[in-house]
Amino acid sequence: MPYTPKKTLQQVVASVNDYLIAVKRNQGRLYDHLQTYFECLKPMAEHTHSIQSRGREEHRCIQVYEPVGIALQEWEAIRSVLCVQRWGTRQGKAYHNTAYYISSAATSPHHWQSLVREHWGIENRLHWPKDVVFGEDDYRLEDEQALLNWSVLRTIVINILRLNGYQSLKTAMTKLANRVDIIFSLLT
């Protein structure tokens, strides 16, 4: 596939920018390595933050580590490894989750907190809707160009719906189903 994460990172670093990438379970070897990594090593720096809003309480702990023992040649210009733990209550239900990140930047845990929140904003407003609402991960096309084209079309649809005031894509799809007259009016 022409757009691999590693090639993308090379392009980001070559353009004199930094990256922040969430490491997910489907990145098996790296994900497993980071799980063990955080259990065994002591962080260089740590920041904990708590907030209460809209009936929920949330705590976040960001731990920053040096990329020791990670195959550095595989991950372009990696300088920081993060473990972000979130716990609290939403609508009276307790939750706890842990996320791992790698980055080419090196900064303070306090600054990482805002960068990670911005990253989650992208995840929640684009990647999650494409995966869950539009089922992007379920498409099994062999043609790489077709996959890329469909991804671009989904992004355009999300942007058009959001520009027309739809915050919930599921609501928009339900309301607009079989309403070609309304759908075309959104394009003007």
N, C-alpha and C. Protein backbone atom coordinates (compact mmCIF):
# COMPACT_ATOMS: atom_id res chain seq x y z
N MET A 1 0.85 -1.18 0.00
CA MET A 1 0.00 0.00 0.00
C MET A 1 0.89 1.24 0.00
N PRO A 2 0.60 2.24 -0.84
CA PRO A 2 1.51 3.38 -0.94
C PRO A 2 1.51 4.29 0.27
N TYR A 3 0.43 4.32 1.05
CA TYR A 3 0.34 5.24 2.18
C TYR A 3 0.46 4.47 3.49
N THR A 4 1.65 3.99 3.79
CA THR A 4 1.87 3.30 5.05
C THR A 4 2.18 4.33 6.12
N PRO A 5 1.91 4.02 7.38
CA PRO A 5 2.22 4.97 8.44
C PRO A 5 3.68 5.40 8.44
N LYS A 6 4.58 4.48 8.19
CA LYS A 6 6.00 4.82 8.24
C LYS A 6 6.40 5.77 7.12
N LYS A 7 5.84 5.58 5.91
CA LYS A 7 6.12 6.51 4.82
C LYS A 7 5.51 7.88 5.12
N THR A 8 4.34 7.89 5.71
CA THR A 8 3.69 9.15 6.07
C THR A 8 4.55 9.89 7.09
N LEU A 9 5.09 9.18 8.08
CA LEU A 9 5.94 9.82 9.08
C LEU A 9 7.19 10.41 8.45
N GLN A 10 7.76 9.71 7.48
CA GLN A 10 8.92 10.25 6.78
C GLN A 10 8.58 11.57 6.10
N GLN A 11 7.40 11.65 5.50
CA GLN A 11 6.98 12.88 4.83
C GLN A 11 6.74 14.00 5.84
N VAL A 12 6.13 13.66 6.99
CA VAL A 12 5.87 14.67 8.02
C VAL A 12 7.19 15.25 8.52
N VAL A 13 8.13 14.39 8.86
CA VAL A 13 9.42 14.84 9.40
C VAL A 13 10.21 15.61 8.33
N ALA A 14 10.16 15.14 7.08
CA ALA A 14 10.87 15.83 5.99
C ALA A 14 10.32 17.23 5.76
N SER A 15 9.04 17.45 6.09
CA SER A 15 8.45 18.79 5.91
C SER A 15 8.65 19.66 7.15
N VAL A 16 9.53 19.24 8.05
CA VAL A 16 9.89 19.95 9.27
C VAL A 16 8.67 20.16 10.17
N ASN A 17 7.90 19.09 10.33
CA ASN A 17 6.77 19.08 11.25
C ASN A 17 6.94 17.91 12.20
N ASP A 18 6.08 17.87 13.22
CA ASP A 18 6.09 16.77 14.18
C ASP A 18 4.81 15.96 14.04
N TYR A 19 4.86 14.74 14.52
CA TYR A 19 3.69 13.88 14.51
C TYR A 19 3.36 13.41 15.92
N LEU A 20 2.11 13.09 16.14
CA LEU A 20 1.61 12.45 17.36
C LEU A 20 0.67 11.36 16.90
N ILE A 21 1.02 10.11 17.16
CA ILE A 21 0.25 8.99 16.65
C ILE A 21 -0.23 8.12 17.81
N ALA A 22 -1.52 7.82 17.79
CA ALA A 22 -2.07 6.87 18.75
C ALA A 22 -1.67 5.47 18.31
N VAL A 23 -1.16 4.69 19.23
CA VAL A 23 -0.80 3.30 18.94
C VAL A 23 -1.98 2.45 19.37
N LYS A 24 -2.57 1.75 18.40
CA LYS A 24 -3.78 0.96 18.67
C LYS A 24 -3.46 -0.52 18.71
N ARG A 25 -4.42 -1.28 19.19
CA ARG A 25 -4.23 -2.73 19.35
C ARG A 25 -3.88 -3.44 18.04
N ASN A 26 -4.35 -2.90 16.92
CA ASN A 26 -4.05 -3.57 15.65
C ASN A 26 -2.60 -3.37 15.22
N GLN A 27 -1.83 -2.61 15.97
CA GLN A 27 -0.39 -2.48 15.74
C GLN A 27 0.32 -3.41 16.72
N GLY A 28 -0.10 -4.66 16.68
CA GLY A 28 0.26 -5.71 17.62
C GLY A 28 1.59 -5.61 18.33
N ARG A 29 2.69 -5.73 17.58
CA ARG A 29 4.01 -5.79 18.21
C ARG A 29 4.33 -4.51 18.98
N LEU A 30 4.08 -3.34 18.37
CA LEU A 30 4.37 -2.08 19.04
C LEU A 30 3.45 -1.87 20.24
N TYR A 31 2.18 -2.18 20.08
CA TYR A 31 1.22 -2.02 21.17
C TYR A 31 1.62 -2.89 22.37
N ASP A 32 1.92 -4.15 22.11
CA ASP A 32 2.32 -5.06 23.19
C ASP A 32 3.61 -4.58 23.86
N HIS A 33 4.54 -4.10 23.05
CA HIS A 33 5.80 -3.59 23.59
C HIS A 33 5.54 -2.41 24.53
N LEU A 34 4.64 -1.49 24.11
CA LEU A 34 4.37 -0.32 24.94
C LEU A 34 3.64 -0.69 26.23
N GLN A 35 2.77 -1.67 26.17
CA GLN A 35 2.10 -2.12 27.40
C GLN A 35 3.13 -2.59 28.42
N THR A 36 4.05 -3.41 27.99
CA THR A 36 5.10 -3.91 28.88
C THR A 36 6.01 -2.78 29.31
N TYR A 37 6.33 -1.91 28.39
CA TYR A 37 7.19 -0.75 28.61
C TYR A 37 6.69 0.09 29.78
N PHE A 38 5.40 0.40 29.78
CA PHE A 38 4.84 1.26 30.81
C PHE A 38 4.69 0.57 32.15
N GLU A 39 4.60 -0.74 32.12
CA GLU A 39 4.52 -1.48 33.38
C GLU A 39 5.88 -1.56 34.07
N CYS A 40 6.95 -1.51 33.29
CA CYS A 40 8.28 -1.75 33.85
C CYS A 40 9.14 -0.50 34.06
N LEU A 41 8.89 0.56 33.31
CA LEU A 41 9.76 1.74 33.37
C LEU A 41 9.12 2.87 34.15
N LYS A 42 9.97 3.74 34.65
CA LYS A 42 9.51 4.92 35.36
C LYS A 42 9.48 6.10 34.38
N PRO A 43 8.40 6.90 34.39
CA PRO A 43 8.32 8.02 33.44
C PRO A 43 9.34 9.12 33.74
N MET A 44 9.72 9.85 32.68
CA MET A 44 10.59 11.02 32.83
C MET A 44 9.80 12.15 33.47
N ALA A 45 8.51 12.24 33.10
CA ALA A 45 7.66 13.31 33.62
C ALA A 45 6.21 12.83 33.62
N GLU A 46 5.40 13.49 34.44
CA GLU A 46 4.01 13.06 34.60
C GLU A 46 3.15 14.28 34.93
N HIS A 47 1.92 14.27 34.44
CA HIS A 47 0.98 15.36 34.74
C HIS A 47 -0.42 14.76 34.90
N THR A 48 -1.10 15.11 35.99
CA THR A 48 -2.47 14.65 36.23
C THR A 48 -3.38 15.85 36.25
N HIS A 49 -4.52 15.70 35.61
CA HIS A 49 -5.49 16.80 35.49
C HIS A 49 -6.89 16.24 35.72
N SER A 50 -7.72 17.00 36.42
CA SER A 50 -9.10 16.59 36.68
C SER A 50 -10.05 17.69 36.23
N ILE A 51 -11.18 17.27 35.66
CA ILE A 51 -12.21 18.23 35.26
C ILE A 51 -13.59 17.66 35.57
N GLN A 52 -14.53 18.56 35.78
CA GLN A 52 -15.92 18.18 35.97
C GLN A 52 -16.76 19.05 35.04
N SER A 53 -17.56 18.42 34.19
CA SER A 53 -18.45 19.18 33.33
C SER A 53 -19.55 18.28 32.79
N ARG A 54 -20.70 18.86 32.57
CA ARG A 54 -21.86 18.17 32.01
C ARG A 54 -22.14 16.82 32.66
N GLY A 55 -22.13 16.80 33.97
CA GLY A 55 -22.48 15.59 34.69
C GLY A 55 -21.44 14.49 34.67
N ARG A 56 -20.25 14.81 34.31
CA ARG A 56 -19.20 13.79 34.35
C ARG A 56 -17.95 14.34 35.01
N GLU A 57 -17.23 13.41 35.56
CA GLU A 57 -15.97 13.72 36.23
C GLU A 57 -14.89 12.92 35.52
N GLU A 58 -13.80 13.61 35.16
CA GLU A 58 -12.75 12.92 34.43
C GLU A 58 -11.38 13.30 34.99
N HIS A 59 -10.53 12.30 35.08
CA HIS A 59 -9.15 12.47 35.51
C HIS A 59 -8.26 11.94 34.39
N ARG A 60 -7.17 12.65 34.14
CA ARG A 60 -6.22 12.22 33.13
C ARG A 60 -4.82 12.27 33.70
N CYS A 61 -4.08 11.22 33.44
CA CYS A 61 -2.68 11.18 33.84
C CYS A 61 -1.85 10.92 32.58
N ILE A 62 -0.96 11.84 32.28
CA ILE A 62 -0.10 11.69 31.11
C ILE A 62 1.31 11.44 31.61
N GLN A 63 1.87 10.31 31.20
CA GLN A 63 3.23 9.95 31.56
C GLN A 63 4.08 9.99 30.29
N VAL A 64 5.21 10.64 30.38
CA VAL A 64 6.10 10.81 29.23
C VAL A 64 7.36 9.97 29.46
N TYR A 65 7.73 9.22 28.43
CA TYR A 65 8.90 8.35 28.49
C TYR A 65 9.82 8.61 27.31
N GLU A 66 11.10 8.28 27.50
CA GLU A 66 12.03 8.28 26.37
C GLU A 66 11.80 7.00 25.59
N PRO A 67 12.01 7.03 24.28
CA PRO A 67 11.77 5.83 23.46
C PRO A 67 12.90 4.80 23.57
N VAL A 68 13.12 4.30 24.74
CA VAL A 68 14.18 3.31 24.97
C VAL A 68 13.65 1.93 24.58
N GLY A 69 14.45 1.18 23.83
CA GLY A 69 14.09 -0.19 23.50
C GLY A 69 13.10 -0.33 22.36
N ILE A 70 12.65 0.77 21.79
CA ILE A 70 11.76 0.70 20.64
C ILE A 70 12.64 0.72 19.40
N ALA A 71 12.27 -0.03 18.40
CA ALA A 71 13.05 -0.08 17.18
C ALA A 71 13.02 1.30 16.52
N LEU A 72 13.95 2.16 16.92
CA LEU A 72 13.95 3.55 16.48
C LEU A 72 14.05 3.68 14.97
N GLN A 73 14.74 2.75 14.33
CA GLN A 73 14.87 2.84 12.89
C GLN A 73 13.53 2.61 12.19
N GLU A 74 12.59 1.99 12.88
CA GLU A 74 11.27 1.74 12.28
C GLU A 74 10.35 2.96 12.39
N TRP A 75 10.58 3.83 13.34
CA TRP A 75 9.68 4.97 13.58
C TRP A 75 10.48 6.25 13.45
N GLU A 76 10.24 6.95 12.38
CA GLU A 76 10.97 8.15 11.99
C GLU A 76 11.04 9.19 13.10
N ALA A 77 12.24 9.53 13.53
CA ALA A 77 12.52 10.64 14.44
C ALA A 77 11.74 10.57 15.76
N ILE A 78 11.42 9.40 16.25
CA ILE A 78 10.65 9.28 17.49
C ILE A 78 11.45 9.85 18.66
N ARG A 79 10.81 10.72 19.44
CA ARG A 79 11.48 11.35 20.58
C ARG A 79 10.74 11.16 21.89
N SER A 80 9.43 10.86 21.80
CA SER A 80 8.63 10.72 23.02
C SER A 80 7.65 9.56 22.88
N VAL A 81 7.41 8.92 24.00
CA VAL A 81 6.40 7.87 24.10
C VAL A 81 5.50 8.27 25.25
N LEU A 82 4.18 8.17 25.04
CA LEU A 82 3.23 8.62 26.05
C LEU A 82 2.29 7.50 26.46
N CYS A 83 1.94 7.54 27.73
CA CYS A 83 0.88 6.70 28.26
C CYS A 83 -0.15 7.66 28.85
N VAL A 84 -1.37 7.61 28.34
CA VAL A 84 -2.43 8.50 28.81
C VAL A 84 -3.53 7.64 29.43
N GLN A 85 -3.74 7.83 30.72
CA GLN A 85 -4.80 7.10 31.41
C GLN A 85 -5.95 8.06 31.71
N ARG A 86 -7.16 7.62 31.42
CA ARG A 86 -8.36 8.41 31.69
C ARG A 86 -9.28 7.57 32.56
N TRP A 87 -9.80 8.19 33.59
CA TRP A 87 -10.78 7.49 34.43
C TRP A 87 -11.73 8.51 35.03
N GLY A 88 -12.87 8.01 35.44
CA GLY A 88 -13.87 8.89 36.03
C GLY A 88 -15.25 8.29 35.92
N THR A 89 -16.26 9.15 35.86
CA THR A 89 -17.64 8.70 35.74
C THR A 89 -18.35 9.51 34.66
N ARG A 90 -19.17 8.80 33.87
CA ARG A 90 -20.04 9.43 32.88
C ARG A 90 -21.44 8.91 33.15
N GLN A 91 -22.34 9.82 33.43
CA GLN A 91 -23.73 9.46 33.72
C GLN A 91 -23.80 8.38 34.81
N GLY A 92 -22.98 8.56 35.82
CA GLY A 92 -22.99 7.65 36.96
C GLY A 92 -22.25 6.34 36.76
N LYS A 93 -21.68 6.11 35.58
CA LYS A 93 -20.97 4.86 35.31
C LYS A 93 -19.46 5.13 35.31
N ALA A 94 -18.74 4.28 36.01
CA ALA A 94 -17.29 4.42 36.09
C ALA A 94 -16.64 3.89 34.81
N TYR A 95 -15.51 4.50 34.43
CA TYR A 95 -14.75 4.01 33.29
C TYR A 95 -13.27 4.24 33.56
N HIS A 96 -12.45 3.49 32.84
CA HIS A 96 -11.00 3.64 32.91
C HIS A 96 -10.44 3.13 31.58
N ASN A 97 -9.61 3.93 30.93
CA ASN A 97 -8.95 3.44 29.73
C ASN A 97 -7.54 4.00 29.65
N THR A 98 -6.75 3.31 28.87
CA THR A 98 -5.35 3.68 28.69
C THR A 98 -5.07 3.77 27.20
N ALA A 99 -4.38 4.81 26.80
CA ALA A 99 -4.00 4.99 25.40
C ALA A 99 -2.49 5.24 25.33
N TYR A 100 -1.90 4.78 24.24
CA TYR A 100 -0.47 4.94 24.03
C TYR A 100 -0.23 5.77 22.78
N TYR A 101 0.81 6.59 22.82
CA TYR A 101 1.15 7.46 21.70
C TYR A 101 2.65 7.47 21.49
N ILE A 102 3.04 7.71 20.24
CA ILE A 102 4.44 7.98 19.94
C ILE A 102 4.48 9.33 19.22
N SER A 103 5.61 10.04 19.37
CA SER A 103 5.71 11.36 18.76
C SER A 103 7.15 11.70 18.43
N SER A 104 7.27 12.59 17.46
CA SER A 104 8.59 13.11 17.10
C SER A 104 8.91 14.38 17.90
N ALA A 105 7.96 14.84 18.70
CA ALA A 105 8.16 16.04 19.51
C ALA A 105 8.59 15.65 20.92
N ALA A 106 9.20 16.60 21.59
CA ALA A 106 9.54 16.44 22.99
C ALA A 106 9.07 17.72 23.70
N THR A 107 8.15 17.56 24.62
CA THR A 107 7.60 18.73 25.31
C THR A 107 7.19 18.33 26.73
N SER A 108 6.60 19.26 27.45
CA SER A 108 6.22 19.00 28.84
C SER A 108 4.92 18.20 28.89
N PRO A 109 4.70 17.47 29.99
CA PRO A 109 3.44 16.71 30.12
C PRO A 109 2.21 17.62 30.07
N HIS A 110 2.34 18.83 30.60
CA HIS A 110 1.22 19.76 30.57
C HIS A 110 0.86 20.12 29.13
N HIS A 111 1.86 20.36 28.30
CA HIS A 111 1.61 20.66 26.88
C HIS A 111 1.09 19.43 26.15
N TRP A 112 1.59 18.25 26.53
CA TRP A 112 1.10 17.02 25.91
C TRP A 112 -0.40 16.87 26.13
N GLN A 113 -0.86 17.30 27.30
CA GLN A 113 -2.28 17.17 27.60
C GLN A 113 -3.13 17.86 26.54
N SER A 114 -2.79 19.10 26.19
CA SER A 114 -3.58 19.81 25.18
C SER A 114 -3.40 19.18 23.79
N LEU A 115 -2.21 18.70 23.47
CA LEU A 115 -1.99 18.06 22.18
C LEU A 115 -2.79 16.77 22.05
N VAL A 116 -2.84 16.00 23.12
CA VAL A 116 -3.60 14.74 23.10
C VAL A 116 -5.09 15.04 22.97
N ARG A 117 -5.58 16.07 23.66
CA ARG A 117 -7.00 16.45 23.53
C ARG A 117 -7.32 16.87 22.10
N GLU A 118 -6.41 17.62 21.46
CA GLU A 118 -6.62 18.00 20.07
C GLU A 118 -6.64 16.76 19.17
N HIS A 119 -5.76 15.81 19.46
CA HIS A 119 -5.72 14.56 18.71
C HIS A 119 -7.04 13.82 18.84
N TRP A 120 -7.58 13.76 20.06
CA TRP A 120 -8.86 13.09 20.27
C TRP A 120 -9.99 13.83 19.56
N GLY A 121 -9.87 15.15 19.45
CA GLY A 121 -10.88 15.91 18.70
C GLY A 121 -10.94 15.46 17.25
N ILE A 122 -9.77 15.23 16.65
CA ILE A 122 -9.72 14.73 15.28
C ILE A 122 -10.30 13.32 15.23
N GLU A 123 -9.92 12.50 16.17
CA GLU A 123 -10.41 11.12 16.22
C GLU A 123 -11.93 11.10 16.35
N ASN A 124 -12.47 11.92 17.25
CA ASN A 124 -13.91 11.91 17.50
C ASN A 124 -14.73 12.55 16.38
N ARG A 125 -14.16 13.54 15.70
CA ARG A 125 -14.94 14.25 14.68
C ARG A 125 -14.72 13.74 13.26
N LEU A 126 -13.68 12.93 13.03
CA LEU A 126 -13.47 12.43 11.68
C LEU A 126 -13.28 10.92 11.63
N HIS A 127 -12.27 10.40 12.30
CA HIS A 127 -11.96 8.98 12.18
C HIS A 127 -13.07 8.09 12.73
N TRP A 128 -13.57 8.41 13.90
CA TRP A 128 -14.63 7.59 14.50
C TRP A 128 -15.88 7.58 13.62
N PRO A 129 -16.38 8.74 13.15
CA PRO A 129 -17.55 8.69 12.27
C PRO A 129 -17.29 7.89 10.98
N LYS A 130 -16.09 8.02 10.42
CA LYS A 130 -15.80 7.26 9.20
C LYS A 130 -15.80 5.76 9.49
N ASP A 131 -15.24 5.38 10.63
CA ASP A 131 -15.17 3.95 10.96
C ASP A 131 -16.53 3.40 11.40
N VAL A 132 -17.21 4.11 12.29
CA VAL A 132 -18.42 3.57 12.90
C VAL A 132 -19.67 3.89 12.09
N VAL A 133 -19.87 5.16 11.75
CA VAL A 133 -21.09 5.56 11.04
C VAL A 133 -21.07 5.07 9.59
N PHE A 134 -19.94 5.25 8.92
CA PHE A 134 -19.85 4.86 7.52
C PHE A 134 -19.23 3.48 7.29
N GLY A 135 -18.79 2.82 8.35
CA GLY A 135 -18.25 1.46 8.25
C GLY A 135 -17.02 1.35 7.36
N GLU A 136 -16.17 2.37 7.39
CA GLU A 136 -15.01 2.39 6.50
C GLU A 136 -14.10 1.18 6.68
N ASP A 137 -13.93 0.72 7.90
CA ASP A 137 -13.03 -0.42 8.12
C ASP A 137 -13.59 -1.73 7.57
N ASP A 138 -14.89 -1.76 7.26
CA ASP A 138 -15.51 -2.99 6.75
C ASP A 138 -15.36 -3.14 5.24
N TYR A 139 -14.92 -2.08 4.55
CA TYR A 139 -14.76 -2.16 3.10
C TYR A 139 -13.52 -2.98 2.78
N ARG A 140 -13.70 -3.98 1.95
CA ARG A 140 -12.59 -4.87 1.61
C ARG A 140 -12.27 -4.81 0.13
N LEU A 141 -12.12 -3.63 -0.40
CA LEU A 141 -11.75 -3.48 -1.80
C LEU A 141 -10.26 -3.78 -1.96
N GLU A 142 -9.91 -4.36 -3.09
CA GLU A 142 -8.51 -4.67 -3.35
C GLU A 142 -7.78 -3.49 -3.98
N ASP A 143 -8.53 -2.67 -4.71
CA ASP A 143 -7.94 -1.55 -5.43
C ASP A 143 -7.63 -0.40 -4.47
N GLU A 144 -6.35 -0.10 -4.31
CA GLU A 144 -5.93 0.93 -3.36
C GLU A 144 -6.48 2.30 -3.73
N GLN A 145 -6.53 2.60 -5.02
CA GLN A 145 -7.05 3.89 -5.45
C GLN A 145 -8.54 4.01 -5.14
N ALA A 146 -9.28 2.93 -5.30
CA ALA A 146 -10.71 2.94 -4.97
C ALA A 146 -10.91 3.19 -3.47
N LEU A 147 -10.08 2.55 -2.64
CA LEU A 147 -10.16 2.77 -1.19
C LEU A 147 -9.91 4.23 -0.84
N LEU A 148 -8.89 4.81 -1.45
CA LEU A 148 -8.56 6.20 -1.21
C LEU A 148 -9.69 7.12 -1.69
N ASN A 149 -10.24 6.84 -2.86
CA ASN A 149 -11.35 7.65 -3.38
C ASN A 149 -12.56 7.60 -2.46
N TRP A 150 -12.92 6.41 -1.99
CA TRP A 150 -14.08 6.29 -1.09
C TRP A 150 -13.82 7.02 0.22
N SER A 151 -12.61 6.98 0.71
CA SER A 151 -12.28 7.69 1.94
C SER A 151 -12.43 9.20 1.76
N VAL A 152 -11.97 9.71 0.62
CA VAL A 152 -12.12 11.14 0.33
C VAL A 152 -13.59 11.51 0.23
N LEU A 153 -14.39 10.68 -0.43
CA LEU A 153 -15.83 10.96 -0.55
C LEU A 153 -16.52 10.98 0.81
N ARG A 154 -16.16 10.05 1.69
CA ARG A 154 -16.75 10.05 3.04
C ARG A 154 -16.39 11.32 3.78
N THR A 155 -15.15 11.76 3.66
CA THR A 155 -14.72 13.00 4.31
C THR A 155 -15.50 14.20 3.77
N ILE A 156 -15.72 14.23 2.47
CA ILE A 156 -16.50 15.32 1.88
C ILE A 156 -17.93 15.31 2.42
N VAL A 157 -18.53 14.15 2.50
CA VAL A 157 -19.90 14.04 3.04
C VAL A 157 -19.95 14.53 4.48
N ILE A 158 -19.00 14.11 5.29
CA ILE A 158 -18.96 14.56 6.70
C ILE A 158 -18.86 16.08 6.75
N ASN A 159 -17.98 16.65 5.95
CA ASN A 159 -17.81 18.11 5.95
C ASN A 159 -19.07 18.83 5.49
N ILE A 160 -19.73 18.33 4.45
CA ILE A 160 -20.96 18.96 3.97
C ILE A 160 -22.04 18.91 5.04
N LEU A 161 -22.19 17.76 5.69
CA LEU A 161 -23.21 17.63 6.74
C LEU A 161 -22.91 18.58 7.90
N ARG A 162 -21.66 18.64 8.32
CA ARG A 162 -21.30 19.52 9.44
C ARG A 162 -21.47 21.00 9.07
N LEU A 163 -21.11 21.37 7.84
CA LEU A 163 -21.28 22.75 7.39
C LEU A 163 -22.76 23.16 7.34
N ASN A 164 -23.64 22.17 7.23
CA ASN A 164 -25.07 22.44 7.18
C ASN A 164 -25.73 22.22 8.54
N GLY A 165 -24.93 22.21 9.60
CA GLY A 165 -25.47 22.21 10.96
C GLY A 165 -25.73 20.87 11.59
N TYR A 166 -25.38 19.79 10.95
CA TYR A 166 -25.61 18.47 11.53
C TYR A 166 -24.42 18.09 12.41
N GLN A 167 -24.63 18.03 13.70
CA GLN A 167 -23.58 17.59 14.61
C GLN A 167 -23.54 16.07 14.70
N SER A 168 -24.71 15.45 14.60
CA SER A 168 -24.81 13.99 14.65
C SER A 168 -24.96 13.47 13.23
N LEU A 169 -24.00 12.69 12.78
CA LEU A 169 -24.06 12.14 11.43
C LEU A 169 -25.14 11.07 11.32
N LYS A 170 -25.37 10.32 12.39
CA LYS A 170 -26.43 9.31 12.37
C LYS A 170 -27.79 9.98 12.20
N THR A 171 -28.02 11.08 12.91
CA THR A 171 -29.26 11.82 12.78
C THR A 171 -29.41 12.35 11.36
N ALA A 172 -28.34 12.90 10.81
CA ALA A 172 -28.38 13.42 9.45
C ALA A 172 -28.71 12.33 8.45
N MET A 173 -28.08 11.18 8.59
CA MET A 173 -28.32 10.09 7.65
C MET A 173 -29.76 9.58 7.75
N THR A 174 -30.29 9.53 8.97
CA THR A 174 -31.68 9.10 9.15
C THR A 174 -32.64 10.11 8.53
N LYS A 175 -32.40 11.37 8.79
CA LYS A 175 -33.26 12.44 8.28
C LYS A 175 -33.19 12.55 6.75
N LEU A 176 -32.01 12.34 6.20
CA LEU A 176 -31.81 12.54 4.77
C LEU A 176 -32.01 11.29 3.92
N ALA A 177 -32.19 10.14 4.56
CA ALA A 177 -32.35 8.90 3.80
C ALA A 177 -33.50 9.05 2.80
N ASN A 178 -33.23 8.75 1.55
CA ASN A 178 -34.21 8.80 0.46
C ASN A 178 -34.78 10.20 0.23
N ARG A 179 -34.08 11.23 0.67
CA ARG A 179 -34.53 12.62 0.45
C ARG A 179 -33.55 13.32 -0.48
N VAL A 180 -33.53 12.91 -1.73
CA VAL A 180 -32.59 13.43 -2.70
C VAL A 180 -32.73 14.94 -2.86
N ASP A 181 -33.97 15.46 -2.77
CA ASP A 181 -34.18 16.89 -2.91
C ASP A 181 -33.44 17.68 -1.84
N ILE A 182 -33.46 17.19 -0.61
CA ILE A 182 -32.75 17.86 0.49
C ILE A 182 -31.24 17.67 0.35
N ILE A 183 -30.83 16.48 -0.03
CA ILE A 183 -29.40 16.19 -0.16
C ILE A 183 -28.76 17.15 -1.18
N PHE A 184 -29.39 17.33 -2.35
CA PHE A 184 -28.83 18.23 -3.36
C PHE A 184 -28.85 19.69 -2.89
N SER A 185 -29.82 20.06 -2.06
CA SER A 185 -29.86 21.44 -1.58
C SER A 185 -28.68 21.72 -0.63
N LEU A 186 -28.12 20.69 -0.01
CA LEU A 186 -26.98 20.88 0.87
C LEU A 186 -25.71 21.28 0.11
N LEU A 187 -25.67 20.97 -1.16
CA LEU A 187 -24.49 21.24 -1.96
C LEU A 187 -24.40 22.66 -2.46
N THR A 188 -25.47 23.43 -2.33
CA THR A 188 -25.48 24.80 -2.85
C THR A 188 -25.04 25.80 -1.82
